[in-house]
Amino acid sequence: MMASKISETDESGLLLSTAEKLLRRGLDVKWSTHVIRR
C-alpha cells in the first residue's frame, strides 16, 4: 500500500520519508532530554 504510493510519486515519497526521519529524530531528542532531566 505505502510502497506503491511512494513508487507512484517518488518526489513526494522521498520528501515524506525525509520529514518522517527528521520528526523521529526530533522526538528521540525530546525523549532523551526529558529522561535526562528527570
Protein backbone atom coordinates (compact mmCIF):
# COMPACT_ATOMS: atom_id res chain seq x y z
CA MET A 1 0.00 0.00 0.00
CA MET A 2 2.55 2.55 1.13
CA ALA A 3 5.27 1.22 -1.20
CA SER A 4 3.03 1.54 -4.29
CA LYS A 5 2.14 5.11 -3.30
CA ILE A 6 5.79 6.07 -2.89
CA SER A 7 6.78 4.45 -6.21
CA GLU A 8 3.90 6.32 -7.86
CA THR A 9 5.21 9.70 -6.72
CA ASP A 10 8.90 9.35 -6.00
CA GLU A 11 9.44 13.01 -5.12
CA SER A 12 6.65 13.28 -2.56
CA GLY A 13 7.59 9.86 -1.16
CA LEU A 14 11.19 10.95 -0.71
CA LEU A 15 10.08 14.18 0.93
CA LEU A 16 7.76 12.26 3.21
CA SER A 17 10.43 9.79 4.28
CA THR A 18 12.87 12.65 4.96
CA ALA A 19 10.31 14.55 7.01
CA GLU A 20 9.48 11.38 8.94
CA LYS A 21 13.17 10.81 9.68
CA LEU A 22 13.58 14.39 10.91
CA LEU A 23 10.44 14.13 13.01
CA ARG A 24 11.55 10.84 14.55
CA ARG A 25 14.97 12.29 15.33
CA GLY A 26 13.36 15.33 16.94
CA LEU A 27 11.11 13.09 19.03
CA ASP A 28 14.10 10.97 20.06
CA VAL A 29 15.96 14.08 21.18
CA LYS A 30 12.92 15.32 23.08
CA TRP A 31 12.50 11.99 24.87
CA SER A 32 16.22 11.66 25.66
CA THR A 33 16.39 15.20 27.08
CA HIS A 34 13.20 14.57 29.06
CA VAL A 35 14.63 11.38 30.55
CA ILE A 36 17.94 13.09 31.34
CA ARG A 37 16.15 15.99 33.06
CA ARG A 38 14.24 13.51 35.19
